[in-house]
C-alpha atoms as a PDB file:
ATOM      1  CA  MET A   1     -47.738 -21.184  28.099  1.00  0.00           C
ATOM      2  CA  SER A   2     -46.267 -21.135  24.625  1.00  0.00           C
ATOM      3  CA  SER A   3     -48.454 -17.960  23.959  1.00  0.00           C
ATOM      4  CA  GLY A   4     -51.359 -16.771  22.253  1.00  0.00           C
ATOM      5  CA  PRO A   5     -54.728 -17.459  23.191  1.00  0.00           C
ATOM      6  CA  HIS A   6     -54.112 -21.039  21.296  1.00  0.00           C
ATOM      7  CA  ASP A   7     -51.012 -22.135  22.633  1.00  0.00           C
ATOM      8  CA  ILE A   8     -50.864 -22.646  25.946  1.00  0.00           C
ATOM      9  CA  GLU A   9     -50.035 -26.185  27.424  1.00  0.00           C
ATOM     10  CA  ILE A  10     -51.942 -27.099  30.452  1.00  0.00           C
ATOM     11  CA  ALA A  11     -53.254 -30.593  32.184  1.00  0.00           C
ATOM     12  CA  ALA A  12     -56.415 -32.060  31.703  1.00  0.00           C
ATOM     13  CA  HIS A  13     -58.623 -29.533  33.757  1.00  0.00           C
ATOM     14  CA  GLU A  14     -61.491 -31.305  35.695  1.00  0.00           C
ATOM     15  CA  LYS A  15     -61.437 -29.431  38.653  1.00  0.00           C
ATOM     16  CA  GLU A  16     -63.414 -26.241  39.548  1.00  0.00           C
ATOM     17  CA  TYR A  17     -61.772 -23.545  41.410  1.00  0.00           C
ATOM     18  CA  ALA A  18     -63.276 -20.464  42.586  1.00  0.00           C
ATOM     19  CA  ASN A  19     -62.559 -17.115  40.726  1.00  0.00           C
ATOM     20  CA  GLY A  20     -59.734 -15.167  42.152  1.00  0.00           C
ATOM     21  CA  PHE A  21     -56.571 -16.620  43.712  1.00  0.00           C
ATOM     22  CA  PRO A  22     -57.425 -20.201  43.393  1.00  0.00           C
ATOM     23  CA  LEU A  23     -58.038 -19.754  39.667  1.00  0.00           C
ATOM     24  CA  VAL A  24     -55.219 -17.772  39.324  1.00  0.00           C
ATOM     25  CA  ALA A  25     -53.004 -19.792  41.073  1.00  0.00           C
ATOM     26  CA  ALA A  26     -54.675 -23.023  39.225  1.00  0.00           C
ATOM     27  CA  PHE A  27     -54.013 -21.561  35.655  1.00  0.00           C
ATOM     28  CA  ILE A  28     -50.145 -21.122  36.599  1.00  0.00           C
ATOM     29  CA  ALA A  29     -49.460 -24.237  38.513  1.00  0.00           C
ATOM     30  CA  GLU A  30     -51.003 -26.806  35.348  1.00  0.00           C
ATOM     31  CA  ASP A  31     -48.979 -25.603  33.091  1.00  0.00           C
ATOM     32  CA  LYS A  32     -47.092 -28.095  31.719  1.00  0.00           C
ATOM     33  CA  ASP A  33     -44.236 -25.932  30.089  1.00  0.00           C
ATOM     34  CA  LYS A  34     -44.250 -23.625  33.080  1.00  0.00           C
ATOM     35  CA  THR A  35     -43.907 -20.634  30.880  1.00  0.00           C
ATOM     36  CA  SER A  36     -47.015 -18.884  32.356  1.00  0.00           C
ATOM     37  CA  THR A  37     -45.378 -18.397  35.797  1.00  0.00           C
ATOM     38  CA  VAL A  38     -45.390 -14.420  35.270  1.00  0.00           C
ATOM     39  CA  TYR A  39     -44.669 -12.091  38.350  1.00  0.00           C
ATOM     40  CA  ARG A  40     -43.742  -8.635  38.877  1.00  0.00           C
ATOM     41  CA  ARG A  41     -40.028  -7.842  39.491  1.00  0.00           C
ATOM     42  CA  PHE A  42     -41.038  -4.777  41.787  1.00  0.00           C
ATOM     43  CA  ASP A  43     -37.721  -2.348  40.430  1.00  0.00           C
ATOM     44  CA  ARG A  44     -38.752   0.780  41.931  1.00  0.00           C
ATOM     45  CA  LEU A  45     -39.307  -1.299  45.423  1.00  0.00           C
ATOM     46  CA  ALA A  46     -36.145  -2.930  45.108  1.00  0.00           C
ATOM     47  CA  ALA A  47     -34.029   0.245  43.881  1.00  0.00           C
ATOM     48  CA  ARG A  48     -35.305   1.886  47.281  1.00  0.00           C
ATOM     49  CA  ASN A  49     -34.995  -0.895  49.466  1.00  0.00           C
ATOM     50  CA  LEU A  50     -31.385  -1.224  48.554  1.00  0.00           C
ATOM     51  CA  LEU A  51     -30.970   2.552  48.919  1.00  0.00           C
ATOM     52  CA  TYR A  52     -32.501   2.355  52.184  1.00  0.00           C
ATOM     53  CA  LEU A  53     -29.963  -0.117  53.447  1.00  0.00           C
ATOM     54  CA  GLN A  54     -26.992   1.541  51.657  1.00  0.00           C
ATOM     55  CA  SER A  55     -27.970   4.850  53.403  1.00  0.00           C
ATOM     56  CA  ARG A  56     -28.184   2.847  56.651  1.00  0.00           C
ATOM     57  CA  LEU A  57     -24.765   1.457  56.298  1.00  0.00           C
ATOM     58  CA  ILE A  58     -23.177   5.128  55.261  1.00  0.00           C
ATOM     59  CA  GLN A  59     -24.946   6.477  58.452  1.00  0.00           C
ATOM     60  CA  LEU A  60     -23.430   3.600  60.416  1.00  0.00           C
ATOM     61  CA  GLU A  61     -19.764   3.881  58.631  1.00  0.00           C
ATOM     62  CA  ALA A  62     -19.525   7.427  59.651  1.00  0.00           C
ATOM     63  CA  LYS A  63     -20.410   6.593  63.452  1.00  0.00           C
ATOM     64  CA  GLN A  64     -17.747   4.136  63.801  1.00  0.00           C
ATOM     65  CA  ASP A  65     -15.597   6.617  62.033  1.00  0.00           C
ATOM     66  CA  ARG A  66     -16.355   9.153  64.453  1.00  0.00           C
ATOM     67  CA  TYR A  67     -15.699   6.402  67.388  1.00  0.00           C
ATOM     68  CA  ASP A  68     -12.590   5.705  66.021  1.00  0.00           C
ATOM     69  CA  ALA A  69     -11.468   9.266  65.460  1.00  0.00           C
ATOM     70  CA  GLU A  70     -12.266   9.577  69.252  1.00  0.00           C
ATOM     71  CA  ASP A  71     -10.390   6.718  70.210  1.00  0.00           C
ATOM     72  CA  LEU A  72      -7.501   8.236  68.570  1.00  0.00           C
ATOM     73  CA  GLN A  73      -7.187  11.198  70.293  1.00  0.00           C
ATOM     74  CA  ASP A  74      -8.178   9.479  73.997  1.00  0.00           C
ATOM     75  CA  GLY A  75      -5.912   8.274  76.126  1.00  0.00           C
ATOM     76  CA  ASP A  76      -8.058   5.796  78.138  1.00  0.00           C
ATOM     77  CA  LEU A  77      -6.054   2.987  78.468  1.00  0.00           C
ATOM     78  CA  GLU A  78      -9.437   0.554  78.683  1.00  0.00           C
ATOM     79  CA  ALA A  79     -10.297   2.137  75.313  1.00  0.00           C
ATOM     80  CA  LYS A  80      -7.061   1.236  73.815  1.00  0.00           C
ATOM     81  CA  ARG A  81      -6.975  -2.670  75.242  1.00  0.00           C
ATOM     82  CA  ALA A  82     -10.685  -2.765  73.950  1.00  0.00           C
ATOM     83  CA  ALA A  83      -9.536  -1.476  70.800  1.00  0.00           C
ATOM     84  CA  THR A  84      -6.865  -4.130  70.179  1.00  0.00           C
ATOM     85  CA  SER A  85      -8.447  -7.433  71.653  1.00  0.00           C
ATOM     86  CA  TRP A  86     -12.127  -8.616  70.910  1.00  0.00           C
ATOM     87  CA  GLU A  87     -12.133 -10.221  74.312  1.00  0.00           C
ATOM     88  CA  ASP A  88     -11.593  -6.899  75.972  1.00  0.00           C
ATOM     89  CA  PHE A  89     -13.968  -4.963  74.049  1.00  0.00           C
ATOM     90  CA  GLU A  90     -16.364  -7.664  74.830  1.00  0.00           C
ATOM     91  CA  ALA A  91     -16.074  -7.287  78.386  1.00  0.00           C
ATOM     92  CA  SER A  92     -15.773  -3.744  78.504  1.00  0.00           C
ATOM     93  CA  SER A  93     -19.156  -3.403  76.520  1.00  0.00           C
ATOM     94  CA  THR A  94     -20.951  -4.827  79.290  1.00  0.00           C
ATOM     95  CA  VAL A  95     -19.583  -2.287  81.896  1.00  0.00           C
ATOM     96  CA  ARG A  96     -18.288   0.631  80.225  1.00  0.00           C
ATOM     97  CA  GLU A  97     -21.229   2.935  78.264  1.00  0.00           C
ATOM     98  CA  ARG A  98     -18.426   3.785  75.830  1.00  0.00           C
ATOM     99  CA  GLU A  99     -18.138   0.205  74.676  1.00  0.00           C
ATOM    100  CA  LYS A 100     -21.342  -0.503  74.991  1.00  0.00           C
ATOM    101  CA  TRP A 101     -22.160   2.237  72.387  1.00  0.00           C
ATOM    102  CA  ARG A 102     -19.305   1.163  70.162  1.00  0.00           C
ATOM    103  CA  MET A 103     -20.248  -2.926  70.373  1.00  0.00           C
ATOM    104  CA  GLU A 104     -24.062  -2.027  69.485  1.00  0.00           C
ATOM    105  CA  THR A 105     -22.566  -0.009  66.045  1.00  0.00           C
ATOM    106  CA  ALA A 106     -20.545  -3.408  65.193  1.00  0.00           C
ATOM    107  CA  GLU A 107     -23.830  -5.281  65.844  1.00  0.00           C
ATOM    108  CA  ALA A 108     -25.901  -2.990  64.023  1.00  0.00           C
ATOM    109  CA  ILE A 109     -23.276  -2.770  60.714  1.00  0.00           C
ATOM    110  CA  GLN A 110     -22.869  -6.480  61.178  1.00  0.00           C
ATOM    111  CA  LYS A 111     -26.760  -7.160  60.845  1.00  0.00           C
ATOM    112  CA  THR A 112     -27.392  -4.452  58.112  1.00  0.00           C
ATOM    113  CA  LEU A 113     -24.375  -5.384  55.844  1.00  0.00           C
ATOM    114  CA  LYS A 114     -25.464  -8.964  55.873  1.00  0.00           C
ATOM    115  CA  GLU A 115     -29.128  -7.803  55.077  1.00  0.00           C
ATOM    116  CA  TYR A 116     -27.747  -5.306  52.169  1.00  0.00           C
ATOM    117  CA  HIS A 117     -25.251  -8.045  50.338  1.00  0.00           C
ATOM    118  CA  GLU A 118     -28.133 -10.481  50.652  1.00  0.00           C
ATOM    119  CA  ALA A 119     -30.519  -8.250  48.716  1.00  0.00           C
ATOM    120  CA  LEU A 120     -28.397  -6.892  46.201  1.00  0.00           C
ATOM    121  CA  LEU A 121     -27.356 -10.780  45.384  1.00  0.00           C
ATOM    122  CA  LEU A 122     -30.993 -11.578  45.071  1.00  0.00           C
ATOM    123  CA  HIS A 123     -31.777  -8.361  43.232  1.00  0.00           C
ATOM    124  CA  SER A 124     -28.865  -9.325  41.112  1.00  0.00           C
ATOM    125  CA  GLY A 125     -30.486 -13.035  40.286  1.00  0.00           C
ATOM    126  CA  VAL A 126     -33.787 -11.512  40.014  1.00  0.00           C
ATOM    127  CA  LEU A 127     -32.567  -9.239  37.077  1.00  0.00           C
ATOM    128  CA  LYS A 128     -30.862 -12.026  35.204  1.00  0.00           C
ATOM    129  CA  LEU A 129     -34.673 -13.537  34.926  1.00  0.00           C
ATOM    130  CA  GLU A 130     -35.846 -12.604  30.961  1.00  0.00           C
ATOM    131  CA  ALA A 131     -38.973 -10.692  30.389  1.00  0.00           C
ATOM    132  CA  PRO A 132     -42.119 -13.520  29.337  1.00  0.00           C
ATOM    133  CA  ALA A 133     -42.558 -14.198  25.583  1.00  0.00           C
ATOM    134  CA  ASN A 134     -45.060 -11.450  23.721  1.00  0.00           C
ATOM    135  CA  ARG A 135     -47.137 -13.823  23.145  1.00  0.00           C
ATOM    136  CA  THR A 136     -47.075 -15.640  26.348  1.00  0.00           C
ATOM    137  CA  LEU A 137     -47.612 -12.195  27.895  1.00  0.00           C
ATOM    138  CA  LYS A 138     -50.613 -11.348  25.387  1.00  0.00           C
ATOM    139  CA  ALA A 139     -52.542 -15.012  26.162  1.00  0.00           C
ATOM    140  CA  PHE A 140     -52.051 -14.687  30.168  1.00  0.00           C
ATOM    141  CA  LYS A 141     -53.510 -10.894  29.834  1.00  0.00           C
ATOM    142  CA  ASP A 142     -56.397 -11.975  27.707  1.00  0.00           C
ATOM    143  CA  TRP A 143     -57.481 -14.686  29.806  1.00  0.00           C
ATOM    144  CA  PHE A 144     -56.667 -12.632  32.948  1.00  0.00           C
ATOM    145  CA  GLY A 145     -59.176  -9.488  31.535  1.00  0.00           C
ATOM    146  CA  ASN A 146     -58.767  -5.953  31.393  1.00  0.00           C
ATOM    147  CA  PRO A 147     -58.658  -3.462  34.701  1.00  0.00           C
ATOM    148  CA  ASN A 148     -60.235  -0.647  32.781  1.00  0.00           C
ATOM    149  CA  GLU A 149     -63.523  -2.872  32.117  1.00  0.00           C
ATOM    150  CA  GLY A 150     -63.414  -4.503  35.799  1.00  0.00           C
ATOM    151  CA  ASN A 151     -63.033  -7.905  34.745  1.00  0.00           C
ATOM    152  CA  THR A 152     -60.170  -9.211  35.754  1.00  0.00           C
ATOM    153  CA  ARG A 153     -59.420 -12.720  37.962  1.00  0.00           C
ATOM    154  CA  LEU A 154     -58.324 -10.823  40.884  1.00  0.00           C
ATOM    155  CA  ARG A 155     -59.793  -7.323  42.643  1.00  0.00           C
ATOM    156  CA  GLY A 156     -58.223  -4.657  43.969  1.00  0.00           C
ATOM    157  CA  GLN A 157     -54.549  -3.384  43.028  1.00  0.00           C
ATOM    158  CA  SER A 158     -53.879  -6.944  42.181  1.00  0.00           C
ATOM    159  CA  SER A 159     -56.143  -6.510  39.106  1.00  0.00           C
ATOM    160  CA  HIS A 160     -53.080  -4.493  37.771  1.00  0.00           C
ATOM    161  CA  ILE A 161     -50.425  -6.896  38.244  1.00  0.00           C
ATOM    162  CA  LEU A 162     -49.634  -7.152  34.537  1.00  0.00           C
ATOM    163  CA  ASP A 163     -49.869  -3.702  33.677  1.00  0.00           C
ATOM    164  CA  ASP A 164     -46.140  -2.862  33.187  1.00  0.00           C
ATOM    165  CA  GLU A 165     -44.348  -5.268  31.026  1.00  0.00           C
ATOM    166  CA  ASN A 166     -41.199  -4.372  31.722  1.00  0.00           C
ATOM    167  CA  ASP A 167     -41.338  -4.885  35.191  1.00  0.00           C
ATOM    168  CA  LEU A 168     -42.295  -8.524  34.482  1.00  0.00           C
ATOM    169  CA  ILE A 169     -40.518 -11.582  34.471  1.00  0.00           C
ATOM    170  CA  ALA A 170     -41.195 -15.005  33.249  1.00  0.00           C
ATOM    171  CA  LEU A 171     -39.550 -18.267  35.434  1.00  0.00           C
ATOM    172  CA  ARG A 172     -39.600 -20.025  32.789  1.00  0.00           C
ATOM    173  CA  ILE A 173     -39.445 -18.997  28.658  1.00  0.00           C
ATOM    174  CA  PRO A 174     -40.056 -21.564  25.868  1.00  0.00           C
ATOM    175  CA  ALA A 175     -36.831 -23.318  25.177  1.00  0.00           C
ATOM    176  CA  GLU A 176     -36.781 -22.204  21.518  1.00  0.00           C
ATOM    177  CA  GLN A 177     -37.536 -19.236  19.898  1.00  0.00           C
ATOM    178  CA  ASP A 178     -36.126 -18.992  16.438  1.00  0.00           C
ATOM    179  CA  ARG A 179     -38.064 -17.450  13.531  1.00  0.00           C
ATOM    180  CA  LEU A 180     -39.567 -20.689  12.265  1.00  0.00           C
ATOM    181  CA  THR A 181     -40.893 -21.986  15.475  1.00  0.00           C
ATOM    182  CA  LYS A 182     -42.839 -18.390  15.735  1.00  0.00           C
ATOM    183  CA  LEU A 183     -43.865 -18.322  12.350  1.00  0.00           C
ATOM    184  CA  VAL A 184     -45.130 -21.988  13.006  1.00  0.00           C
ATOM    185  CA  GLN A 185     -46.588 -20.515  16.343  1.00  0.00           C
ATOM    186  CA  ARG A 186     -48.340 -17.686  14.781  1.00  0.00           C
ATOM    187  CA  TYR A 187     -50.015 -19.182  11.779  1.00  0.00           C
ATOM    188  CA  PHE A 188     -50.442 -23.049  12.673  1.00  0.00           C
ATOM    189  CA  PRO A 189     -51.512 -22.754  16.641  1.00  0.00           C
ATOM    190  CA  LEU A 190     -54.514 -25.801  15.404  1.00  0.00           C
ATOM    191  CA  LEU A 191     -52.109 -28.468  14.770  1.00  0.00           C
ATOM    192  CA  PHE A 192     -50.697 -28.304  18.173  1.00  0.00           C
ATOM    193  CA  MET A 193     -53.949 -27.723  20.262  1.00  0.00           C
ATOM    194  CA  THR A 194     -54.297 -30.224  23.413  1.00  0.00           C
ATOM    195  CA  GLU A 195     -56.631 -29.431  26.077  1.00  0.00           C
ATOM    196  CA  ALA A 196     -58.559 -26.573  27.562  1.00  0.00           C
ATOM    197  CA  GLY A 197     -58.122 -25.050  31.045  1.00  0.00           C
ATOM    198  CA  PRO A 198     -59.028 -22.847  33.560  1.00  0.00           C
ATOM    199  CA  GLY A 199     -61.586 -20.127  31.719  1.00  0.00           C
ATOM    200  CA  SER A 200     -62.006 -22.533  28.725  1.00  0.00           C
ATOM    201  CA  ILE A 201     -58.531 -21.341  26.811  1.00  0.00           C
ATOM    202  CA  ALA A 202     -57.061 -23.368  23.984  1.00  0.00           C
ATOM    203  CA  TYR A 203     -53.340 -24.587  24.777  1.00  0.00           C
ATOM    204  CA  ILE A 204     -50.814 -26.131  22.710  1.00  0.00           C
ATOM    205  CA  SER A 205     -47.798 -28.321  23.617  1.00  0.00           C
ATOM    206  CA  GLU A 206     -44.557 -26.721  23.412  1.00  0.00           C
ATOM    207  CA  LYS A 207     -42.601 -29.767  23.288  1.00  0.00           C
ATOM    208  CA  ARG A 208     -45.220 -31.342  20.134  1.00  0.00           C
ATOM    209  CA  LEU A 209     -44.445 -27.717  18.637  1.00  0.00           C
ATOM    210  CA  ALA A 210     -40.509 -28.173  18.914  1.00  0.00           C
ATOM    211  CA  ARG A 211     -40.620 -31.778  17.532  1.00  0.00           C
ATOM    212  CA  PHE A 212     -42.077 -30.777  14.444  1.00  0.00           C
ATOM    213  CA  VAL A 213     -39.935 -27.762  14.045  1.00  0.00           C
ATOM    214  CA  ALA A 214     -36.389 -30.069  14.643  1.00  0.00           C
ATOM    215  CA  VAL A 215     -37.915 -32.750  11.934  1.00  0.00           C
ATOM    216  CA  PHE A 216     -38.919 -29.750   9.342  1.00  0.00           C
ATOM    217  CA  SER A 217     -35.768 -28.318   9.829  1.00  0.00           C
ATOM    218  CA  THR A 218     -33.888 -31.675   9.131  1.00  0.00           C
ATOM    219  CA  VAL A 219     -36.168 -32.512   5.879  1.00  0.00           C
ATOM    220  CA  LEU A 220     -35.345 -29.082   4.341  1.00  0.00           C
ATOM    221  CA  ALA A 221     -31.356 -29.237   5.301  1.00  0.00           C
ATOM    222  CA  ALA A 222     -31.436 -32.955   3.518  1.00  0.00           C
ATOM    223  CA  VAL A 223     -33.946 -31.476   0.650  1.00  0.00           C
ATOM    224  CA  LEU A 224     -30.979 -29.003   0.449  1.00  0.00           C
ATOM    225  CA  LEU A 225     -28.271 -30.918   0.174  1.00  0.00           C
ATOM    226  CA  ILE A 226     -29.559 -33.755  -1.540  1.00  0.00           C
ATOM    227  CA  GLY A 227     -31.653 -31.938  -4.145  1.00  0.00           C
ATOM    228  CA  ALA A 228     -28.278 -30.147  -5.086  1.00  0.00           C
ATOM    229  CA  ILE A 229     -26.170 -33.356  -5.580  1.00  0.00           C
ATOM    230  CA  ILE A 230     -29.254 -35.354  -7.615  1.00  0.00           C
ATOM    231  CA  LEU A 231     -29.245 -31.792  -9.721  1.00  0.00           C
ATOM    232  CA  LEU A 232     -25.166 -31.619 -10.095  1.00  0.00           C
ATOM    233  CA  TYR A 233     -24.825 -35.719 -10.792  1.00  0.00           C
ATOM    234  CA  ASN A 234     -27.403 -35.040 -13.900  1.00  0.00           C
ATOM    235  CA  ILE A 235     -26.420 -31.926 -15.656  1.00  0.00           C
ATOM    236  CA  GLN A 236     -23.270 -31.838 -17.393  1.00  0.00           C
ATOM    237  CA  SER A 237     -22.521 -28.183 -18.113  1.00  0.00           C
ATOM    238  CA  GLN A 238     -19.856 -26.996 -15.964  1.00  0.00           C
ATOM    239  CA  ASN A 239     -21.819 -23.015 -16.395  1.00  0.00           C
ATOM    240  CA  TRP A 240     -25.375 -24.833 -15.230  1.00  0.00           C
ATOM    241  CA  ARG A 241     -23.459 -26.738 -11.966  1.00  0.00           C
ATOM    242  CA  MET A 242     -22.028 -23.480 -11.146  1.00  0.00           C
ATOM    243  CA  ALA A 243     -25.577 -21.406 -11.497  1.00  0.00           C
ATOM    244  CA  ILE A 244     -27.124 -24.499  -9.371  1.00  0.00           C
ATOM    245  CA  ILE A 245     -24.011 -24.494  -6.897  1.00  0.00           C
ATOM    246  CA  ALA A 246     -24.840 -20.670  -6.529  1.00  0.00           C
ATOM    247  CA  ILE A 247     -28.533 -20.881  -6.412  1.00  0.00           C
ATOM    248  CA  PHE A 248     -28.636 -23.348  -3.863  1.00  0.00           C
ATOM    249  CA  MET A 249     -26.199 -21.502  -1.717  1.00  0.00           C
ATOM    250  CA  VAL A 250     -28.632 -18.838  -1.614  1.00  0.00           C
ATOM    251  CA  LEU A 251     -31.262 -20.661  -0.691  1.00  0.00           C
ATOM    252  CA  PHE A 252     -29.225 -22.318   2.426  1.00  0.00           C
ATOM    253  CA  ALA A 253     -27.965 -19.051   3.179  1.00  0.00           C
ATOM    254  CA  ALA A 254     -31.501 -17.695   3.406  1.00  0.00           C
ATOM    255  CA  SER A 255     -33.236 -20.401   5.006  1.00  0.00           C
ATOM    256  CA  VAL A 256     -30.332 -20.354   7.594  1.00  0.00           C
ATOM    257  CA  GLY A 257     -31.077 -16.832   8.251  1.00  0.00           C
ATOM    258  CA  LEU A 258     -34.502 -16.678   8.021  1.00  0.00           C
ATOM    259  CA  LEU A 259     -36.001 -19.535   9.816  1.00  0.00           C
ATOM    260  CA  THR A 260     -33.066 -19.774  12.663  1.00  0.00           C
ATOM    261  CA  SER A 261     -31.779 -17.809  15.549  1.00  0.00           C
ATOM    262  CA  ALA A 262     -28.113 -17.972  14.015  1.00  0.00           C
ATOM    263  CA  ARG A 263     -25.601 -15.099  13.772  1.00  0.00           C
ATOM    264  CA  ARG A 264     -24.122 -13.443  11.012  1.00  0.00           C
ATOM    265  CA  ALA A 265     -20.978 -15.333  11.466  1.00  0.00           C
ATOM    266  CA  GLU A 266     -22.708 -19.096  12.501  1.00  0.00           C
ATOM    267  CA  ILE A 267     -24.640 -18.483   8.853  1.00  0.00           C
ATOM    268  CA  PHE A 268     -21.192 -17.566   6.873  1.00  0.00           C
ATOM    269  CA  ALA A 269     -19.785 -20.293   8.628  1.00  0.00           C
ATOM    270  CA  ALA A 270     -22.380 -23.216   7.785  1.00  0.00           C
ATOM    271  CA  THR A 271     -23.063 -21.729   4.036  1.00  0.00           C
ATOM    272  CA  ALA A 272     -19.280 -21.983   3.517  1.00  0.00           C
ATOM    273  CA  ALA A 273     -19.338 -25.928   4.729  1.00  0.00           C
ATOM    274  CA  TYR A 274     -22.339 -26.436   2.492  1.00  0.00           C
ATOM    275  CA  ALA A 275     -20.636 -24.973  -0.525  1.00  0.00           C
ATOM    276  CA  ALA A 276     -17.436 -26.592   0.101  1.00  0.00           C
ATOM    277  CA  VAL A 277     -19.305 -30.062   0.322  1.00  0.00           C
ATOM    278  CA  LEU A 278     -20.905 -29.077  -3.272  1.00  0.00           C
ATOM    279  CA  VAL A 279     -17.641 -27.591  -4.825  1.00  0.00           C
ATOM    280  CA  VAL A 280     -15.944 -31.596  -3.728  1.00  0.00           C
ATOM    281  CA  PHE A 281     -18.896 -33.499  -5.282  1.00  0.00           C
ATOM    282  CA  VAL A 282     -18.272 -31.150  -8.376  1.00  0.00           C
ATOM    283  CA  SER A 283     -14.540 -31.613  -8.532  1.00  0.00           C
ATOM    284  CA  GLY A 284     -14.880 -35.193  -8.086  1.00  0.00           C
ATOM    285  CA  ASN A 285     -16.573 -35.021 -11.752  1.00  0.00           C
ATOM    286  CA  PHE A 286     -19.010 -37.563 -10.942  1.00  0.00           C
ATOM    287  CA  ARG A 287     -21.382 -38.088 -14.289  1.00  0.00           C
ATOM    288  CA  PRO A 288     -23.911 -40.414 -15.135  1.00  0.00           C
ATOM    289  CA  VAL A 289     -22.722 -43.315 -17.040  1.00  0.00           C
END
């Protein structure tokens, strides 16, 4: 789902689906670019679950520490043997109430600790997932409907699944989100329109858009380089040559800075390399015969 009511690519849609979960599932699954895979992250529930597990472990830790303190003060020989040998501990837990409680505590710690660590790792992975692109989310909301107007694809509490934008994630976002792509995507969506999907929504191809942006960027870079060389070749005045170099450097830096997602250091490096090519050409004293 490349964003906006005109920018979601989906397979040719001939089969009809019942409204509700079947239709919403088809809308998500048939998106070729898979950028419509937008779901809730449930941050509040995840945090509460981790807090519950953490608190349970704290309680079990305190319980085990209390047992250890009792064993330290008690002169029971069987307890000392169980504290230094797993075999003795396991055997004693089947016949002595004291070791049975300790074994139950140890097993509870093992189970809860495993669940806690798994929850931590899973939540850490979920937090690394990015939010859906703004236009993708807008397209999804336009198609899904407004819960305040009662016209959503799902009813009940599920009608509010897209309400909290800060709690949404996309399993896949558009591969390229530079400024040029966003510009073309916003103002020229009709050039990349493909089939319509469920709900008669219009779609565009993310791959086709990416190819266009790549070709346009390549042609622009070639024009800036070849155009500058042609002008420098045909002009003999050194002052005019310096002016042309300065003008084309500004144009090149502006194109890199405004049309790509390059960082400042990368813009400086690219501009310096571009200027070096032009300076080398001028210093070579190439002039028309």
